[in-house]
Amino acid sequence: WGGTPSGGDDEIGFSITQTSDDGF
């Protein structure tokens, strides 16, 4: 992912979980 809703371009992920619909 590049770019943000506010137009920036720095992204950091802290956590993730799998959901019951097989997504994340």
mmCIF file of all heavy atoms, coordinates in Angstrom:
data_MODEL
# 
_entry.id   MODEL 
# 
loop_
_atom_site.group_PDB 
_atom_site.id 
_atom_site.type_symbol 
_atom_site.label_atom_id 
_atom_site.label_alt_id 
_atom_site.label_comp_id 
_atom_site.label_asym_id 
_atom_site.label_entity_id 
_atom_site.label_seq_id 
_atom_site.pdbx_PDB_ins_code 
_atom_site.Cartn_x 
_atom_site.Cartn_y 
_atom_site.Cartn_z 
_atom_site.occupancy 
_atom_site.B_iso_or_equiv 
_atom_site.pdbx_formal_charge 
_atom_site.auth_seq_id 
_atom_site.auth_comp_id 
_atom_site.auth_asym_id 
_atom_site.auth_atom_id 
_atom_site.pdbx_PDB_model_num 
ATOM 1   N N   . TRP A 1 1  ? 0.852   -1.187  0.000  1.00 0.00 ? 1  TRP A N   1 
ATOM 2   C CA  . TRP A 1 1  ? 0.000   0.000   0.000  1.00 0.00 ? 1  TRP A CA  1 
ATOM 3   C C   . TRP A 1 1  ? 0.886   1.234   0.000  1.00 0.00 ? 1  TRP A C   1 
ATOM 4   O O   . TRP A 1 1  ? 1.793   1.367   0.815  1.00 0.00 ? 1  TRP A O   1 
ATOM 5   C CB  . TRP A 1 1  ? -0.912  0.036   1.220  1.00 0.00 ? 1  TRP A CB  1 
ATOM 6   C CG  . TRP A 1 1  ? -2.060  -0.915  1.131  1.00 0.00 ? 1  TRP A CG  1 
ATOM 7   C CD1 . TRP A 1 1  ? -3.292  -0.688  0.586  1.00 0.00 ? 1  TRP A CD1 1 
ATOM 8   C CD2 . TRP A 1 1  ? -2.076  -2.277  1.585  1.00 0.00 ? 1  TRP A CD2 1 
ATOM 9   N NE1 . TRP A 1 1  ? -4.069  -1.812  0.674  1.00 0.00 ? 1  TRP A NE1 1 
ATOM 10  C CE2 . TRP A 1 1  ? -3.358  -2.806  1.284  1.00 0.00 ? 1  TRP A CE2 1 
ATOM 11  C CE3 . TRP A 1 1  ? -1.135  -3.098  2.210  1.00 0.00 ? 1  TRP A CE3 1 
ATOM 12  C CZ2 . TRP A 1 1  ? -3.716  -4.106  1.596  1.00 0.00 ? 1  TRP A CZ2 1 
ATOM 13  C CZ3 . TRP A 1 1  ? -1.486  -4.395  2.523  1.00 0.00 ? 1  TRP A CZ3 1 
ATOM 14  C CH2 . TRP A 1 1  ? -2.765  -4.890  2.208  1.00 0.00 ? 1  TRP A CH2 1 
ATOM 15  N N   . GLY A 1 2  ? 0.613   2.142   -0.912 1.00 0.00 ? 2  GLY A N   1 
ATOM 16  C CA  . GLY A 1 2  ? 1.294   3.421   -0.953 1.00 0.00 ? 2  GLY A CA  1 
ATOM 17  C C   . GLY A 1 2  ? 0.262   4.526   -1.043 1.00 0.00 ? 2  GLY A C   1 
ATOM 18  O O   . GLY A 1 2  ? -0.789  4.375   -1.658 1.00 0.00 ? 2  GLY A O   1 
ATOM 19  N N   . GLY A 1 3  ? 0.538   5.637   -0.383 1.00 0.00 ? 3  GLY A N   1 
ATOM 20  C CA  . GLY A 1 3  ? -0.458  6.707   -0.323 1.00 0.00 ? 3  GLY A CA  1 
ATOM 21  C C   . GLY A 1 3  ? -1.438  6.449   0.803  1.00 0.00 ? 3  GLY A C   1 
ATOM 22  O O   . GLY A 1 3  ? -1.575  5.336   1.287  1.00 0.00 ? 3  GLY A O   1 
ATOM 23  N N   . THR A 1 4  ? -2.110  7.472   1.240  1.00 0.00 ? 4  THR A N   1 
ATOM 24  C CA  . THR A 1 4  ? -3.024  7.379   2.367  1.00 0.00 ? 4  THR A CA  1 
ATOM 25  C C   . THR A 1 4  ? -4.285  8.158   2.056  1.00 0.00 ? 4  THR A C   1 
ATOM 26  O O   . THR A 1 4  ? -4.348  8.929   1.100  1.00 0.00 ? 4  THR A O   1 
ATOM 27  C CB  . THR A 1 4  ? -2.397  7.984   3.649  1.00 0.00 ? 4  THR A CB  1 
ATOM 28  O OG1 . THR A 1 4  ? -2.383  9.401   3.505  1.00 0.00 ? 4  THR A OG1 1 
ATOM 29  C CG2 . THR A 1 4  ? -0.974  7.492   3.858  1.00 0.00 ? 4  THR A CG2 1 
ATOM 30  N N   . PRO A 1 5  ? -5.332  7.987   2.889  1.00 0.00 ? 5  PRO A N   1 
ATOM 31  C CA  . PRO A 1 5  ? -6.540  8.785   2.685  1.00 0.00 ? 5  PRO A CA  1 
ATOM 32  C C   . PRO A 1 5  ? -6.287  10.288  2.709  1.00 0.00 ? 5  PRO A C   1 
ATOM 33  O O   . PRO A 1 5  ? -7.029  11.055  2.114  1.00 0.00 ? 5  PRO A O   1 
ATOM 34  C CB  . PRO A 1 5  ? -7.447  8.349   3.842  1.00 0.00 ? 5  PRO A CB  1 
ATOM 35  C CG  . PRO A 1 5  ? -7.006  6.952   4.152  1.00 0.00 ? 5  PRO A CG  1 
ATOM 36  C CD  . PRO A 1 5  ? -5.514  6.961   3.937  1.00 0.00 ? 5  PRO A CD  1 
ATOM 37  N N   . SER A 1 6  ? -5.220  10.718  3.431  1.00 0.00 ? 6  SER A N   1 
ATOM 38  C CA  . SER A 1 6  ? -4.950  12.157  3.507  1.00 0.00 ? 6  SER A CA  1 
ATOM 39  C C   . SER A 1 6  ? -3.853  12.594  2.542  1.00 0.00 ? 6  SER A C   1 
ATOM 40  O O   . SER A 1 6  ? -3.407  13.724  2.583  1.00 0.00 ? 6  SER A O   1 
ATOM 41  C CB  . SER A 1 6  ? -4.534  12.527  4.939  1.00 0.00 ? 6  SER A CB  1 
ATOM 42  O OG  . SER A 1 6  ? -3.362  11.826  5.309  1.00 0.00 ? 6  SER A OG  1 
ATOM 43  N N   . GLY A 1 7  ? -3.387  11.651  1.702  1.00 0.00 ? 7  GLY A N   1 
ATOM 44  C CA  . GLY A 1 7  ? -2.423  12.025  0.683  1.00 0.00 ? 7  GLY A CA  1 
ATOM 45  C C   . GLY A 1 7  ? -0.974  11.792  1.036  1.00 0.00 ? 7  GLY A C   1 
ATOM 46  O O   . GLY A 1 7  ? -0.085  12.105  0.257  1.00 0.00 ? 7  GLY A O   1 
ATOM 47  N N   . GLY A 1 8  ? -0.682  11.241  2.220  1.00 0.00 ? 8  GLY A N   1 
ATOM 48  C CA  . GLY A 1 8  ? 0.695   10.973  2.611  1.00 0.00 ? 8  GLY A CA  1 
ATOM 49  C C   . GLY A 1 8  ? 1.185   9.665   2.024  1.00 0.00 ? 8  GLY A C   1 
ATOM 50  O O   . GLY A 1 8  ? 0.509   9.000   1.255  1.00 0.00 ? 8  GLY A O   1 
ATOM 51  N N   . ASP A 1 9  ? 2.408   9.288   2.389  1.00 0.00 ? 9  ASP A N   1 
ATOM 52  C CA  . ASP A 1 9  ? 2.943   8.083   1.779  1.00 0.00 ? 9  ASP A CA  1 
ATOM 53  C C   . ASP A 1 9  ? 3.772   7.236   2.739  1.00 0.00 ? 9  ASP A C   1 
ATOM 54  O O   . ASP A 1 9  ? 4.611   6.456   2.306  1.00 0.00 ? 9  ASP A O   1 
ATOM 55  C CB  . ASP A 1 9  ? 3.767   8.429   0.542  1.00 0.00 ? 9  ASP A CB  1 
ATOM 56  C CG  . ASP A 1 9  ? 4.884   9.417   0.827  1.00 0.00 ? 9  ASP A CG  1 
ATOM 57  O OD1 . ASP A 1 9  ? 5.116   9.721   2.015  1.00 0.00 ? 9  ASP A OD1 1 
ATOM 58  O OD2 . ASP A 1 9  ? 5.512   9.870   -0.131 1.00 0.00 ? 9  ASP A OD2 1 
ATOM 59  N N   . ASP A 1 10 ? 3.606   7.392   4.049  1.00 0.00 ? 10 ASP A N   1 
ATOM 60  C CA  . ASP A 1 10 ? 4.285   6.565   5.037  1.00 0.00 ? 10 ASP A CA  1 
ATOM 61  C C   . ASP A 1 10 ? 3.280   5.615   5.668  1.00 0.00 ? 10 ASP A C   1 
ATOM 62  O O   . ASP A 1 10 ? 2.258   6.050   6.215  1.00 0.00 ? 10 ASP A O   1 
ATOM 63  C CB  . ASP A 1 10 ? 4.915   7.423   6.138  1.00 0.00 ? 10 ASP A CB  1 
ATOM 64  C CG  . ASP A 1 10 ? 6.059   8.286   5.607  1.00 0.00 ? 10 ASP A CG  1 
ATOM 65  O OD1 . ASP A 1 10 ? 6.716   7.826   4.659  1.00 0.00 ? 10 ASP A OD1 1 
ATOM 66  O OD2 . ASP A 1 10 ? 6.272   9.373   6.147  1.00 0.00 ? 10 ASP A OD2 1 
ATOM 67  N N   . GLU A 1 11 ? 3.558   4.302   5.604  1.00 0.00 ? 11 GLU A N   1 
ATOM 68  C CA  . GLU A 1 11 ? 2.643   3.316   6.153  1.00 0.00 ? 11 GLU A CA  1 
ATOM 69  C C   . GLU A 1 11 ? 3.420   2.339   7.029  1.00 0.00 ? 11 GLU A C   1 
ATOM 70  O O   . GLU A 1 11 ? 4.491   1.866   6.624  1.00 0.00 ? 11 GLU A O   1 
ATOM 71  C CB  . GLU A 1 11 ? 1.923   2.523   5.062  1.00 0.00 ? 11 GLU A CB  1 
ATOM 72  C CG  . GLU A 1 11 ? 1.232   3.361   4.010  1.00 0.00 ? 11 GLU A CG  1 
ATOM 73  C CD  . GLU A 1 11 ? 2.155   3.751   2.892  1.00 0.00 ? 11 GLU A CD  1 
ATOM 74  O OE1 . GLU A 1 11 ? 3.036   2.963   2.534  1.00 0.00 ? 11 GLU A OE1 1 
ATOM 75  O OE2 . GLU A 1 11 ? 2.007   4.885   2.387  1.00 0.00 ? 11 GLU A OE2 1 
ATOM 76  N N   . ILE A 1 12 ? 2.892   2.039   8.196  1.00 0.00 ? 12 ILE A N   1 
ATOM 77  C CA  . ILE A 1 12 ? 3.506   1.072   9.103  1.00 0.00 ? 12 ILE A CA  1 
ATOM 78  C C   . ILE A 1 12 ? 2.411   0.134   9.597  1.00 0.00 ? 12 ILE A C   1 
ATOM 79  O O   . ILE A 1 12 ? 1.355   0.588   10.036 1.00 0.00 ? 12 ILE A O   1 
ATOM 80  C CB  . ILE A 1 12 ? 4.174   1.759   10.313 1.00 0.00 ? 12 ILE A CB  1 
ATOM 81  C CG1 . ILE A 1 12 ? 5.237   2.753   9.843  1.00 0.00 ? 12 ILE A CG1 1 
ATOM 82  C CG2 . ILE A 1 12 ? 4.795   0.725   11.245 1.00 0.00 ? 12 ILE A CG2 1 
ATOM 83  C CD1 . ILE A 1 12 ? 5.806   3.606   10.955 1.00 0.00 ? 12 ILE A CD1 1 
ATOM 84  N N   . GLY A 1 13 ? 2.644   -1.174  9.539  1.00 0.00 ? 13 GLY A N   1 
ATOM 85  C CA  . GLY A 1 13 ? 1.709   -2.144  10.087 1.00 0.00 ? 13 GLY A CA  1 
ATOM 86  C C   . GLY A 1 13 ? 2.159   -2.603  11.464 1.00 0.00 ? 13 GLY A C   1 
ATOM 87  O O   . GLY A 1 13 ? 3.335   -2.912  11.671 1.00 0.00 ? 13 GLY A O   1 
ATOM 88  N N   . PHE A 1 14 ? 1.230   -2.638  12.431 1.00 0.00 ? 14 PHE A N   1 
ATOM 89  C CA  . PHE A 1 14 ? 1.542   -3.051  13.792 1.00 0.00 ? 14 PHE A CA  1 
ATOM 90  C C   . PHE A 1 14 ? 0.998   -4.434  14.141 1.00 0.00 ? 14 PHE A C   1 
ATOM 91  O O   . PHE A 1 14 ? 1.591   -5.160  14.929 1.00 0.00 ? 14 PHE A O   1 
ATOM 92  C CB  . PHE A 1 14 ? 0.971   -2.038  14.805 1.00 0.00 ? 14 PHE A CB  1 
ATOM 93  C CG  . PHE A 1 14 ? 1.729   -0.748  14.880 1.00 0.00 ? 14 PHE A CG  1 
ATOM 94  C CD1 . PHE A 1 14 ? 1.058   0.459   14.776 1.00 0.00 ? 14 PHE A CD1 1 
ATOM 95  C CD2 . PHE A 1 14 ? 3.100   -0.730  15.050 1.00 0.00 ? 14 PHE A CD2 1 
ATOM 96  C CE1 . PHE A 1 14 ? 1.744   1.658   14.850 1.00 0.00 ? 14 PHE A CE1 1 
ATOM 97  C CE2 . PHE A 1 14 ? 3.795   0.463   15.120 1.00 0.00 ? 14 PHE A CE2 1 
ATOM 98  C CZ  . PHE A 1 14 ? 3.117   1.668   15.020 1.00 0.00 ? 14 PHE A CZ  1 
ATOM 99  N N   . SER A 1 15 ? -0.163  -4.800  13.583 1.00 0.00 ? 15 SER A N   1 
ATOM 100 C CA  . SER A 1 15 ? -0.815  -6.042  13.997 1.00 0.00 ? 15 SER A CA  1 
ATOM 101 C C   . SER A 1 15 ? -1.709  -6.550  12.882 1.00 0.00 ? 15 SER A C   1 
ATOM 102 O O   . SER A 1 15 ? -2.137  -5.782  12.010 1.00 0.00 ? 15 SER A O   1 
ATOM 103 C CB  . SER A 1 15 ? -1.639  -5.811  15.280 1.00 0.00 ? 15 SER A CB  1 
ATOM 104 O OG  . SER A 1 15 ? -2.584  -4.768  15.087 1.00 0.00 ? 15 SER A OG  1 
ATOM 105 N N   . ILE A 1 16 ? -1.999  -7.855  12.933 1.00 0.00 ? 16 ILE A N   1 
ATOM 106 C CA  . ILE A 1 16 ? -2.865  -8.463  11.931 1.00 0.00 ? 16 ILE A CA  1 
ATOM 107 C C   . ILE A 1 16 ? -3.569  -9.662  12.546 1.00 0.00 ? 16 ILE A C   1 
ATOM 108 O O   . ILE A 1 16 ? -3.018  -10.346 13.413 1.00 0.00 ? 16 ILE A O   1 
ATOM 109 C CB  . ILE A 1 16 ? -2.048  -8.889  10.677 1.00 0.00 ? 16 ILE A CB  1 
ATOM 110 C CG1 . ILE A 1 16 ? -2.976  -9.371  9.555  1.00 0.00 ? 16 ILE A CG1 1 
ATOM 111 C CG2 . ILE A 1 16 ? -1.004  -9.930  11.029 1.00 0.00 ? 16 ILE A CG2 1 
ATOM 112 C CD1 . ILE A 1 16 ? -2.253  -9.576  8.223  1.00 0.00 ? 16 ILE A CD1 1 
ATOM 113 N N   . THR A 1 17 ? -4.799  -9.903  12.124 1.00 0.00 ? 17 THR A N   1 
ATOM 114 C CA  . THR A 1 17 ? -5.525  -11.099 12.531 1.00 0.00 ? 17 THR A CA  1 
ATOM 115 C C   . THR A 1 17 ? -6.346  -11.592 11.349 1.00 0.00 ? 17 THR A C   1 
ATOM 116 O O   . THR A 1 17 ? -6.788  -10.798 10.509 1.00 0.00 ? 17 THR A O   1 
ATOM 117 C CB  . THR A 1 17 ? -6.435  -10.823 13.743 1.00 0.00 ? 17 THR A CB  1 
ATOM 118 O OG1 . THR A 1 17 ? -6.932  -12.053 14.263 1.00 0.00 ? 17 THR A OG1 1 
ATOM 119 C CG2 . THR A 1 17 ? -7.611  -9.922  13.388 1.00 0.00 ? 17 THR A CG2 1 
ATOM 120 N N   . GLN A 1 18 ? -6.524  -12.919 11.266 1.00 0.00 ? 18 GLN A N   1 
ATOM 121 C CA  . GLN A 1 18 ? -7.391  -13.464 10.233 1.00 0.00 ? 18 GLN A CA  1 
ATOM 122 C C   . GLN A 1 18 ? -8.830  -13.425 10.715 1.00 0.00 ? 18 GLN A C   1 
ATOM 123 O O   . GLN A 1 18 ? -9.112  -13.690 11.886 1.00 0.00 ? 18 GLN A O   1 
ATOM 124 C CB  . GLN A 1 18 ? -6.998  -14.890 9.851  1.00 0.00 ? 18 GLN A CB  1 
ATOM 125 C CG  . GLN A 1 18 ? -7.771  -15.400 8.637  1.00 0.00 ? 18 GLN A CG  1 
ATOM 126 C CD  . GLN A 1 18 ? -7.106  -16.573 7.943  1.00 0.00 ? 18 GLN A CD  1 
ATOM 127 O OE1 . GLN A 1 18 ? -6.383  -17.330 8.560  1.00 0.00 ? 18 GLN A OE1 1 
ATOM 128 N NE2 . GLN A 1 18 ? -7.360  -16.709 6.642  1.00 0.00 ? 18 GLN A NE2 1 
ATOM 129 N N   . THR A 1 19 ? -9.742  -13.094 9.824  1.00 0.00 ? 19 THR A N   1 
ATOM 130 C CA  . THR A 1 19 ? -11.149 -12.924 10.177 1.00 0.00 ? 19 THR A CA  1 
ATOM 131 C C   . THR A 1 19 ? -11.961 -14.142 9.754  1.00 0.00 ? 19 THR A C   1 
ATOM 132 O O   . THR A 1 19 ? -11.507 -14.977 8.980  1.00 0.00 ? 19 THR A O   1 
ATOM 133 C CB  . THR A 1 19 ? -11.702 -11.652 9.522  1.00 0.00 ? 19 THR A CB  1 
ATOM 134 O OG1 . THR A 1 19 ? -11.471 -11.707 8.113  1.00 0.00 ? 19 THR A OG1 1 
ATOM 135 C CG2 . THR A 1 19 ? -11.004 -10.411 10.078 1.00 0.00 ? 19 THR A CG2 1 
ATOM 136 N N   . SER A 1 20 ? -13.182 -14.225 10.276 1.00 0.00 ? 20 SER A N   1 
ATOM 137 C CA  . SER A 1 20 ? -14.010 -15.405 10.052 1.00 0.00 ? 20 SER A CA  1 
ATOM 138 C C   . SER A 1 20 ? -14.442 -15.572 8.593  1.00 0.00 ? 20 SER A C   1 
ATOM 139 O O   . SER A 1 20 ? -14.851 -16.662 8.194  1.00 0.00 ? 20 SER A O   1 
ATOM 140 C CB  . SER A 1 20 ? -15.251 -15.344 10.954 1.00 0.00 ? 20 SER A CB  1 
ATOM 141 O OG  . SER A 1 20 ? -15.986 -14.152 10.722 1.00 0.00 ? 20 SER A OG  1 
ATOM 142 N N   . ASP A 1 21 ? -14.352 -14.501 7.791  1.00 0.00 ? 21 ASP A N   1 
ATOM 143 C CA  . ASP A 1 21 ? -14.672 -14.611 6.366  1.00 0.00 ? 21 ASP A CA  1 
ATOM 144 C C   . ASP A 1 21 ? -13.450 -14.967 5.533  1.00 0.00 ? 21 ASP A C   1 
ATOM 145 O O   . ASP A 1 21 ? -13.456 -14.850 4.313  1.00 0.00 ? 21 ASP A O   1 
ATOM 146 C CB  . ASP A 1 21 ? -15.311 -13.325 5.853  1.00 0.00 ? 21 ASP A CB  1 
ATOM 147 C CG  . ASP A 1 21 ? -14.384 -12.119 5.975  1.00 0.00 ? 21 ASP A CG  1 
ATOM 148 O OD1 . ASP A 1 21 ? -13.246 -12.274 6.473  1.00 0.00 ? 21 ASP A OD1 1 
ATOM 149 O OD2 . ASP A 1 21 ? -14.789 -11.018 5.560  1.00 0.00 ? 21 ASP A OD2 1 
ATOM 150 N N   . ASP A 1 22 ? -12.371 -15.389 6.221  1.00 0.00 ? 22 ASP A N   1 
ATOM 151 C CA  . ASP A 1 22 ? -11.121 -15.809 5.588  1.00 0.00 ? 22 ASP A CA  1 
ATOM 152 C C   . ASP A 1 22 ? -10.282 -14.642 5.100  1.00 0.00 ? 22 ASP A C   1 
ATOM 153 O O   . ASP A 1 22 ? -9.282  -14.841 4.398  1.00 0.00 ? 22 ASP A O   1 
ATOM 154 C CB  . ASP A 1 22 ? -11.372 -16.789 4.433  1.00 0.00 ? 22 ASP A CB  1 
ATOM 155 C CG  . ASP A 1 22 ? -10.232 -17.778 4.245  1.00 0.00 ? 22 ASP A CG  1 
ATOM 156 O OD1 . ASP A 1 22 ? -9.558  -18.101 5.249  1.00 0.00 ? 22 ASP A OD1 1 
ATOM 157 O OD2 . ASP A 1 22 ? -9.998  -18.214 3.103  1.00 0.00 ? 22 ASP A OD2 1 
ATOM 158 N N   . GLY A 1 23 ? -10.677 -13.424 5.466  1.00 0.00 ? 23 GLY A N   1 
ATOM 159 C CA  . GLY A 1 23 ? -9.869  -12.260 5.135  1.00 0.00 ? 23 GLY A CA  1 
ATOM 160 C C   . GLY A 1 23 ? -8.929  -11.917 6.278  1.00 0.00 ? 23 GLY A C   1 
ATOM 161 O O   . GLY A 1 23 ? -8.642  -12.748 7.152  1.00 0.00 ? 23 GLY A O   1 
ATOM 162 N N   . PHE A 1 24 ? -8.479  -10.653 6.299  1.00 0.00 ? 24 PHE A N   1 
ATOM 163 C CA  . PHE A 1 24 ? -7.544  -10.203 7.330  1.00 0.00 ? 24 PHE A CA  1 
ATOM 164 C C   . PHE A 1 24 ? -7.908  -8.787  7.767  1.00 0.00 ? 24 PHE A C   1 
ATOM 165 O O   . PHE A 1 24 ? -8.456  -8.005  6.985  1.00 0.00 ? 24 PHE A O   1 
ATOM 166 C CB  . PHE A 1 24 ? -6.102  -10.218 6.808  1.00 0.00 ? 24 PHE A CB  1 
ATOM 167 C CG  . PHE A 1 24 ? -5.604  -11.584 6.453  1.00 0.00 ? 24 PHE A CG  1 
ATOM 168 C CD1 . PHE A 1 24 ? -5.725  -12.062 5.150  1.00 0.00 ? 24 PHE A CD1 1 
ATOM 169 C CD2 . PHE A 1 24 ? -5.038  -12.402 7.418  1.00 0.00 ? 24 PHE A CD2 1 
ATOM 170 C CE1 . PHE A 1 24 ? -5.276  -13.323 4.810  1.00 0.00 ? 24 PHE A CE1 1 
ATOM 171 C CE2 . PHE A 1 24 ? -4.585  -13.680 7.085  1.00 0.00 ? 24 PHE A CE2 1 
ATOM 172 C CZ  . PHE A 1 24 ? -4.704  -14.142 5.782  1.00 0.00 ? 24 PHE A CZ  1 
# 
